[in-house]
Amino acid sequence: MSHDDWDHSPLPIGILFSHTGVTSAVERTQLSATRLAIAEINAAGGVAGRELVGIGGNCEADPKVFRREATRLVEEEGVRLLFGCYMSSTRKAVLPVVEARGALLFYPTLYEGFDYSPNCIYTGAVPNQNSQPLVRYLMQHYGPRMLLVGSNYIYPYESNRIFSDLVTAAGGRILDEIYVPLDPKPEDFERVLRKIARLEPDAVFSTIVGSGTAQFYEGYRRAGFDAGRRPIASLTTSEAEVAEMPAEAAQGHLTAAPYFQSLDTPRNRAFLAAWRQHVGLEVPVTAAAEAAYFQVHLAARAVAQARSTARDAVVEALGQVQFEAPQGLVAIDPANNHCFLWPKVAKLDARARFEVVWDPRRRITPDPYFASSTLDDWSLGAQPAGIG
């Protein structure tokens, strides 16, 4: 659709999330956040006078279903903009669909970096916005000896490779790297816990996703490991996974992310009030949900400015708009289609709430190709608040 034939008919957008499946707990938070953003945009008059209508079915945490649903939305429903995907395997399943058909995918999940598509906008954190700050914090506060545990798919492999490079470049040591099935059983963690007991790392870096996360943390506590002395540090453990485990299993463990539900700022308080009204606080707010929320607002501003849903027009306009997200002012870097974000490190307290323990209060330029790979240059390209 061009600027000239812009009308006031409803504007359909595709929504690609899982209501069931191994990662459905966090994907449901992303779905709720997407719907909240749509409701807010429509209440404010829509996108240049057009009502946003979100359509899409359950993707079942299955890359094949994601691809099939994306194809249906583009070919049968006429959708040009799609919002969703959690696991990297699902993003990779959808990208050929949008690339072949000139559509645009907005991807709201942290990932391993080293990816670019002119048909994708990446709003989750990349390694220089989460892995680097987390490694730096662990090395300074716990020690240099790390053990890696992950789910058996692409994101953990690549994330662990980057984490290992950072640790070894800083003089640390990776003791072992262990993988468990994506849908693990308790016995899959027994060998992991035995290895931890034998090697005694200073910290455990976990890239376990979905339903296995609570199993691992509960097993870790039952094995008697002291999170205060030897924490699990994980980029994939959010408020959604924490909600599925006892508070005593969560306490003391760490993560790095641009957003936490516990942030005490006027903007986040307003966001949580809207969340409470539209979604309900029984659904936790995760960093992935916050990205799913603000990316719809960024897209709406870009489409309104371009008065078009054509890929090139929307991408060009995205380089000129910003949005005051719950984490801070966010924007897309036109050099790589990734997002300026506000990294933080947080520790889970006795109430299983994330308490921020490190916050540089800087907006960090995305480095998806990880051109800077030492701990000392994590803030390369840092942007103070309000700088586009």
Protein backbone atom coordinates (compact mmCIF):
# COMPACT_ATOMS: atom_id res chain seq x y z
CA MET A 1 0.00 0.00 0.00
CA SER A 2 1.40 3.40 -0.92
CA HIS A 3 1.00 6.84 0.65
CA ASP A 4 -1.49 7.78 -2.06
CA ASP A 5 -4.00 5.00 -1.46
CA TRP A 6 -4.03 5.13 2.37
CA ASP A 7 -7.58 4.63 3.59
CA HIS A 8 -9.35 4.24 6.90
CA SER A 9 -10.21 0.55 6.74
CA PRO A 10 -9.00 -1.71 9.57
CA LEU A 11 -5.28 -2.51 9.38
CA PRO A 12 -4.56 -6.22 10.00
CA ILE A 13 -1.29 -7.29 11.63
CA GLY A 14 -0.11 -10.85 12.20
CA ILE A 15 0.59 -12.20 15.69
CA LEU A 16 2.86 -15.25 15.99
CA PHE A 17 3.02 -16.63 19.53
CA SER A 18 2.42 -19.97 21.25
CA HIS A 19 -0.49 -20.59 23.60
CA THR A 20 0.78 -24.12 24.30
CA GLY A 21 4.14 -25.84 24.17
CA VAL A 22 7.49 -25.73 25.93
CA THR A 23 7.97 -21.93 25.76
CA SER A 24 4.30 -20.97 26.04
CA ALA A 25 4.64 -19.42 29.53
CA VAL A 26 6.81 -16.56 28.29
CA GLU A 27 5.14 -16.39 24.86
CA ARG A 28 1.76 -15.84 26.50
CA THR A 29 3.24 -12.77 28.22
CA GLN A 30 4.40 -11.52 24.81
CA LEU A 31 0.94 -12.13 23.36
CA SER A 32 -0.70 -10.21 26.21
CA ALA A 33 1.72 -7.32 25.73
CA THR A 34 1.04 -7.20 22.00
CA ARG A 35 -2.69 -7.05 22.62
CA LEU A 36 -2.22 -4.29 25.22
CA ALA A 37 -0.25 -2.17 22.75
CA ILE A 38 -2.92 -2.68 20.08
CA ALA A 39 -5.62 -1.60 22.54
CA GLU A 40 -3.67 1.54 23.50
CA ILE A 41 -3.04 2.50 19.89
CA ASN A 42 -6.68 2.03 18.96
CA ALA A 43 -7.85 4.02 21.98
CA ALA A 44 -5.65 6.88 20.79
CA GLY A 45 -7.20 6.88 17.32
CA GLY A 46 -5.44 4.00 15.62
CA VAL A 47 -2.65 4.26 13.07
CA ALA A 48 -3.29 7.46 11.12
CA GLY A 49 -7.00 6.82 11.57
CA ARG A 50 -6.94 3.08 10.96
CA GLU A 51 -7.89 0.55 13.62
CA LEU A 52 -5.25 -2.10 14.26
CA VAL A 53 -6.60 -5.66 14.17
CA GLY A 54 -4.34 -8.45 15.42
CA ILE A 55 -4.89 -11.88 13.89
CA GLY A 56 -3.11 -15.19 14.31
CA GLY A 57 -3.45 -18.64 15.86
CA ASN A 58 -1.55 -20.83 18.31
CA CYS A 59 1.95 -21.58 17.01
CA GLU A 60 2.49 -24.41 19.55
CA ALA A 61 6.23 -23.60 20.08
CA ASP A 62 6.85 -25.53 16.85
CA PRO A 63 8.93 -23.96 14.02
CA LYS A 64 6.84 -25.76 11.38
CA VAL A 65 3.63 -24.32 12.80
CA PHE A 66 5.18 -20.84 12.95
CA ARG A 67 6.11 -21.07 9.29
CA ARG A 68 2.69 -22.38 8.30
CA GLU A 69 0.87 -19.67 10.25
CA ALA A 70 3.11 -16.92 8.87
CA THR A 71 2.43 -18.16 5.34
CA ARG A 72 -1.33 -18.18 5.96
CA LEU A 73 -1.31 -14.68 7.41
CA VAL A 74 0.63 -13.20 4.51
CA GLU A 75 -0.95 -15.11 1.64
CA GLU A 76 -4.55 -15.51 2.81
CA GLU A 77 -5.08 -12.61 5.22
CA GLY A 78 -3.03 -10.01 3.32
CA VAL A 79 -0.88 -9.15 6.33
CA ARG A 80 2.32 -7.18 5.66
CA LEU A 81 3.53 -6.78 9.26
CA LEU A 82 4.01 -9.74 11.61
CA PHE A 83 4.88 -9.58 15.31
CA GLY A 84 6.24 -12.54 17.21
CA CYS A 85 8.47 -15.60 17.57
CA TYR A 86 10.41 -16.55 20.71
CA MET A 87 12.98 -19.27 20.01
CA SER A 88 15.57 -18.54 17.34
CA SER A 89 14.46 -21.68 15.53
CA THR A 90 11.01 -20.15 15.09
CA ARG A 91 12.41 -16.85 13.83
CA LYS A 92 14.55 -18.73 11.31
CA ALA A 93 11.45 -20.65 10.18
CA VAL A 94 9.50 -17.46 9.54
CA LEU A 95 12.20 -15.35 7.87
CA PRO A 96 12.05 -17.15 4.48
CA VAL A 97 8.30 -16.50 4.41
CA VAL A 98 8.57 -12.75 4.93
CA GLU A 99 11.63 -12.44 2.71
CA ALA A 100 9.98 -14.20 -0.22
CA ARG A 101 6.81 -12.13 0.07
CA GLY A 102 8.13 -8.69 0.97
CA ALA A 103 6.59 -8.70 4.46
CA LEU A 104 8.21 -7.53 7.70
CA LEU A 105 8.71 -9.49 10.95
CA PHE A 106 9.11 -7.71 14.30
CA TYR A 107 11.02 -10.08 16.63
CA PRO A 108 10.73 -9.21 20.35
CA THR A 109 13.12 -11.70 21.98
CA LEU A 110 16.71 -11.67 23.14
CA TYR A 111 18.83 -13.77 20.84
CA GLU A 112 22.38 -14.81 19.97
CA GLY A 113 23.06 -12.07 17.42
CA PHE A 114 24.88 -12.63 14.11
CA ASP A 115 21.69 -12.30 12.11
CA TYR A 116 20.35 -9.68 9.74
CA SER A 117 17.42 -9.59 7.38
CA PRO A 118 16.03 -6.52 5.66
CA ASN A 119 12.65 -8.10 6.44
CA CYS A 120 13.17 -8.30 10.22
CA ILE A 121 13.24 -5.75 13.05
CA TYR A 122 14.96 -7.15 16.14
CA THR A 123 13.78 -5.52 19.40
CA GLY A 124 15.21 -7.98 21.94
CA ALA A 125 18.67 -7.72 23.48
CA VAL A 126 21.80 -8.95 21.68
CA PRO A 127 25.02 -10.15 23.39
CA ASN A 128 26.63 -6.76 24.00
CA GLN A 129 23.39 -5.71 25.74
CA ASN A 130 23.12 -8.73 28.09
CA SER A 131 25.97 -11.29 27.93
CA GLN A 132 28.76 -8.76 28.33
CA PRO A 133 27.27 -7.01 31.39
CA LEU A 134 26.39 -10.37 32.97
CA VAL A 135 29.87 -11.86 32.51
CA ARG A 136 31.46 -8.71 33.85
CA TYR A 137 29.27 -8.83 36.97
CA LEU A 138 29.91 -12.54 37.58
CA MET A 139 33.68 -12.20 37.20
CA GLN A 140 33.77 -9.26 39.61
CA HIS A 141 31.49 -10.67 42.30
CA TYR A 142 31.74 -14.48 42.17
CA GLY A 143 34.85 -15.67 40.36
CA PRO A 144 36.28 -16.84 37.02
CA ARG A 145 35.28 -20.52 36.89
CA MET A 146 32.05 -21.12 34.94
CA LEU A 147 29.97 -24.15 33.96
CA LEU A 148 27.49 -23.89 31.07
CA VAL A 149 24.12 -25.67 30.90
CA GLY A 150 21.67 -25.25 28.03
CA SER A 151 18.73 -26.58 26.09
CA ASN A 152 19.60 -28.53 22.97
CA TYR A 153 18.93 -26.01 20.16
CA ILE A 154 20.56 -23.10 18.36
CA TYR A 155 20.25 -20.20 20.84
CA PRO A 156 22.07 -21.99 23.70
CA TYR A 157 24.87 -23.17 21.39
CA GLU A 158 25.57 -19.68 20.08
CA SER A 159 24.97 -17.90 23.39
CA ASN A 160 27.36 -20.29 25.15
CA ARG A 161 29.99 -19.73 22.47
CA ILE A 162 29.85 -15.97 23.06
CA PHE A 163 29.77 -16.37 26.84
CA SER A 164 32.81 -18.67 26.66
CA ASP A 165 34.74 -16.18 24.52
CA LEU A 166 34.05 -13.40 27.01
CA VAL A 167 35.05 -15.48 30.02
CA THR A 168 38.27 -16.82 28.52
CA ALA A 169 39.26 -13.42 27.09
CA ALA A 170 39.01 -12.04 30.64
CA GLY A 171 41.21 -14.79 32.08
CA GLY A 172 38.39 -17.04 33.28
CA ARG A 173 37.79 -20.71 32.62
CA ILE A 174 34.90 -22.76 31.23
CA LEU A 175 34.78 -26.03 33.17
CA ASP A 176 32.23 -27.84 30.99
CA GLU A 177 29.32 -27.33 28.59
CA ILE A 178 26.27 -29.58 29.01
CA TYR A 179 22.98 -29.76 27.07
CA VAL A 180 19.62 -31.22 28.00
CA PRO A 181 16.57 -31.89 25.77
CA LEU A 182 14.27 -28.97 24.98
CA ASP A 183 11.51 -30.78 26.88
CA PRO A 184 13.62 -32.34 29.67
CA LYS A 185 12.84 -34.96 32.30
CA PRO A 186 14.13 -34.88 35.89
CA GLU A 187 16.79 -37.48 35.12
CA ASP A 188 18.27 -35.17 32.48
CA PHE A 189 19.24 -32.76 35.24
CA GLU A 190 20.64 -35.40 37.59
CA ARG A 191 23.87 -35.70 35.59
CA VAL A 192 24.09 -31.90 35.39
CA LEU A 193 23.80 -31.56 39.17
CA ARG A 194 26.40 -34.30 39.72
CA LYS A 195 28.78 -32.45 37.41
CA ILE A 196 28.23 -29.19 39.29
CA ALA A 197 28.94 -30.91 42.59
CA ARG A 198 32.15 -32.41 41.22
CA LEU A 199 33.53 -29.35 39.43
CA GLU A 200 32.40 -26.68 41.94
CA PRO A 201 32.14 -23.72 39.53
CA ASP A 202 31.91 -20.15 40.80
CA ALA A 203 28.70 -19.71 38.78
CA VAL A 204 26.50 -21.69 36.42
CA PHE A 205 25.41 -20.03 33.17
CA SER A 206 22.05 -21.45 32.11
CA THR A 207 20.51 -21.19 28.65
CA ILE A 208 17.74 -23.63 29.52
CA VAL A 209 14.42 -22.37 28.16
CA GLY A 210 10.78 -23.03 28.89
CA SER A 211 9.39 -25.64 31.25
CA GLY A 212 12.81 -27.10 32.08
CA THR A 213 13.88 -23.92 33.86
CA ALA A 214 11.86 -24.49 37.02
CA GLN A 215 12.95 -28.15 37.12
CA PHE A 216 16.61 -27.11 37.04
CA TYR A 217 16.32 -24.40 39.71
CA GLU A 218 14.35 -26.67 42.05
CA GLY A 219 16.84 -29.49 41.55
CA TYR A 220 19.69 -27.05 42.21
CA ARG A 221 18.16 -26.05 45.54
CA ARG A 222 17.45 -29.65 46.56
CA ALA A 223 21.06 -30.55 45.79
CA GLY A 224 22.11 -28.05 48.45
CA PHE A 225 23.94 -25.52 46.29
CA ASP A 226 24.20 -22.04 47.79
CA ALA A 227 22.92 -19.42 45.33
CA GLY A 228 24.57 -16.70 47.39
CA ARG A 229 27.99 -18.23 46.74
CA ARG A 230 27.38 -20.08 43.47
CA PRO A 231 24.42 -18.61 41.55
CA ILE A 232 22.75 -19.68 38.36
CA ALA A 233 23.08 -16.79 35.92
CA SER A 234 20.64 -16.96 33.03
CA LEU A 235 19.48 -14.71 30.22
CA THR A 236 16.49 -16.98 29.59
CA THR A 237 15.03 -16.98 33.11
CA SER A 238 12.35 -14.29 33.27
CA GLU A 239 9.45 -13.48 35.56
CA ALA A 240 7.40 -16.07 33.65
CA GLU A 241 9.76 -18.95 34.46
CA VAL A 242 10.26 -17.71 38.03
CA ALA A 243 6.47 -17.79 38.55
CA GLU A 244 6.60 -21.56 37.97
CA MET A 245 9.06 -22.27 40.82
CA PRO A 246 9.05 -21.82 44.63
CA ALA A 247 10.54 -18.53 45.83
CA GLU A 248 13.26 -20.39 47.74
CA ALA A 249 14.40 -22.03 44.50
CA ALA A 250 14.66 -18.64 42.78
CA GLN A 251 16.31 -16.57 45.49
CA GLY A 252 19.87 -15.43 44.85
CA HIS A 253 20.06 -16.24 41.15
CA LEU A 254 20.89 -13.64 38.47
CA THR A 255 19.97 -12.40 35.03
CA ALA A 256 20.65 -9.49 32.71
CA ALA A 257 17.93 -7.76 30.69
CA PRO A 258 16.79 -4.29 29.63
CA TYR A 259 13.56 -4.52 31.62
CA PHE A 260 12.26 -5.95 34.89
CA GLN A 261 8.72 -5.79 36.22
CA SER A 262 10.09 -4.48 39.54
CA LEU A 263 11.49 -1.24 38.03
CA ASP A 264 10.27 1.67 40.16
CA THR A 265 9.93 4.49 37.64
CA PRO A 266 6.93 6.65 36.70
CA ARG A 267 6.83 5.18 33.19
CA ASN A 268 6.89 1.58 34.42
CA ARG A 269 4.29 2.28 37.10
CA ALA A 270 1.99 3.66 34.40
CA PHE A 271 2.67 0.65 32.20
CA LEU A 272 1.92 -1.78 35.05
CA ALA A 273 -1.34 0.05 35.78
CA ALA A 274 -2.37 -0.45 32.15
CA TRP A 275 -1.23 -4.09 32.33
CA ARG A 276 -3.30 -4.61 35.47
CA GLN A 277 -6.40 -3.20 33.78
CA HIS A 278 -6.07 -5.02 30.44
CA VAL A 279 -4.25 -8.25 31.35
CA GLY A 280 -4.24 -8.75 35.12
CA LEU A 281 -1.24 -9.06 37.40
CA GLU A 282 -1.58 -12.84 37.53
CA VAL A 283 0.26 -12.73 34.18
CA PRO A 284 3.89 -11.70 34.87
CA VAL A 285 5.57 -9.01 32.77
CA THR A 286 8.84 -10.16 31.21
CA ALA A 287 11.55 -8.38 29.23
CA ALA A 288 10.32 -10.29 26.18
CA ALA A 289 6.80 -9.00 26.85
CA GLU A 290 8.02 -5.43 27.24
CA ALA A 291 9.78 -5.71 23.87
CA ALA A 292 6.62 -7.18 22.32
CA TYR A 293 4.73 -4.17 23.71
CA PHE A 294 7.01 -1.38 22.59
CA GLN A 295 7.70 -2.83 19.14
CA VAL A 296 4.00 -2.49 18.24
CA HIS A 297 4.11 1.15 19.28
CA LEU A 298 7.30 1.76 17.27
CA ALA A 299 5.74 0.06 14.24
CA ALA A 300 2.54 2.07 14.57
CA ARG A 301 4.48 5.34 14.64
CA ALA A 302 6.52 4.30 11.61
CA VAL A 303 3.46 3.20 9.61
CA ALA A 304 1.62 6.41 10.52
CA GLN A 305 4.59 8.47 9.35
CA ALA A 306 5.04 6.48 6.14
CA ARG A 307 1.29 6.03 5.56
CA SER A 308 2.27 2.70 4.12
CA THR A 309 2.82 -0.89 5.18
CA ALA A 310 5.38 -1.49 2.43
CA ARG A 311 8.53 -2.95 3.91
CA ASP A 312 10.98 -0.32 2.63
CA ALA A 313 8.77 2.59 3.67
CA VAL A 314 8.21 1.21 7.18
CA VAL A 315 11.90 0.39 7.71
CA GLU A 316 12.92 3.87 6.58
CA ALA A 317 10.40 5.48 8.94
CA LEU A 318 11.53 3.27 11.84
CA GLY A 319 14.90 5.00 11.69
CA GLN A 320 13.17 8.30 12.48
CA VAL A 321 10.82 7.41 15.36
CA GLN A 322 11.29 6.65 19.06
CA PHE A 323 9.03 5.47 21.88
CA GLU A 324 9.18 5.97 25.64
CA ALA A 325 9.06 2.30 26.66
CA PRO A 326 8.83 1.09 30.27
CA GLN A 327 12.62 0.53 30.25
CA GLY A 328 13.39 3.97 28.74
CA LEU A 329 13.46 5.68 25.35
CA VAL A 330 13.92 3.05 22.64
CA ALA A 331 14.68 3.34 18.92
CA ILE A 332 15.79 1.20 16.00
CA ASP A 333 19.35 1.50 14.71
CA PRO A 334 18.95 1.86 10.92
CA ALA A 335 22.45 0.42 10.45
CA ASN A 336 21.33 -3.07 11.49
CA ASN A 337 17.55 -3.12 12.28
CA HIS A 338 18.29 -3.81 15.98
CA CYS A 339 17.25 -1.77 19.00
CA PHE A 340 18.92 0.71 21.35
CA LEU A 341 18.23 -0.75 24.83
CA TRP A 342 18.96 -0.13 28.53
CA PRO A 343 20.87 -3.15 30.01
CA LYS A 344 20.70 -4.05 33.69
CA VAL A 345 21.75 -6.96 35.94
CA ALA A 346 19.31 -8.17 38.59
CA LYS A 347 19.21 -10.71 41.41
CA LEU A 348 16.13 -12.58 42.64
CA ASP A 349 15.19 -11.69 46.21
CA ALA A 350 13.36 -13.70 48.89
CA ARG A 351 10.01 -12.82 47.27
CA ALA A 352 11.24 -14.07 43.87
CA ARG A 353 11.35 -10.51 42.56
CA PHE A 354 14.21 -9.20 40.45
CA GLU A 355 16.20 -6.56 42.33
CA VAL A 356 18.48 -4.52 40.06
CA VAL A 357 22.09 -4.75 41.29
CA TRP A 358 23.81 -3.02 38.35
CA ASP A 359 22.39 -0.23 36.22
CA PRO A 360 24.60 2.09 34.16
CA ARG A 361 21.54 4.18 33.20
CA ARG A 362 22.78 4.27 29.63
CA ARG A 363 21.11 3.37 26.36
CA ILE A 364 23.40 0.91 24.58
CA THR A 365 23.88 0.72 20.83
CA PRO A 366 23.15 -2.80 19.51
CA ASP A 367 26.19 -4.74 18.26
CA PRO A 368 24.55 -7.86 16.77
CA TYR A 369 27.74 -8.93 15.02
CA PHE A 370 29.68 -8.70 18.29
CA ALA A 371 32.47 -6.67 16.74
CA SER A 372 33.56 -5.75 20.28
CA SER A 373 34.19 -8.84 22.35
CA THR A 374 35.98 -7.86 25.56
CA LEU A 375 34.45 -6.99 28.91
CA ASP A 376 35.96 -3.52 28.94
CA ASP A 377 34.11 -2.29 25.86
CA TRP A 378 30.57 -3.44 26.71
CA SER A 379 29.43 0.20 26.64
CA LEU A 380 30.80 0.97 23.18
CA GLY A 381 28.37 3.34 21.54
CA ALA A 382 26.43 3.99 24.76
CA GLN A 383 23.76 6.63 24.34
CA PRO A 384 22.63 8.90 27.20
CA ALA A 385 18.90 9.28 27.61
CA GLY A 386 17.21 11.22 24.87
CA ILE A 387 19.94 10.86 22.26
CA GLY A 388 18.74 9.30 19.02
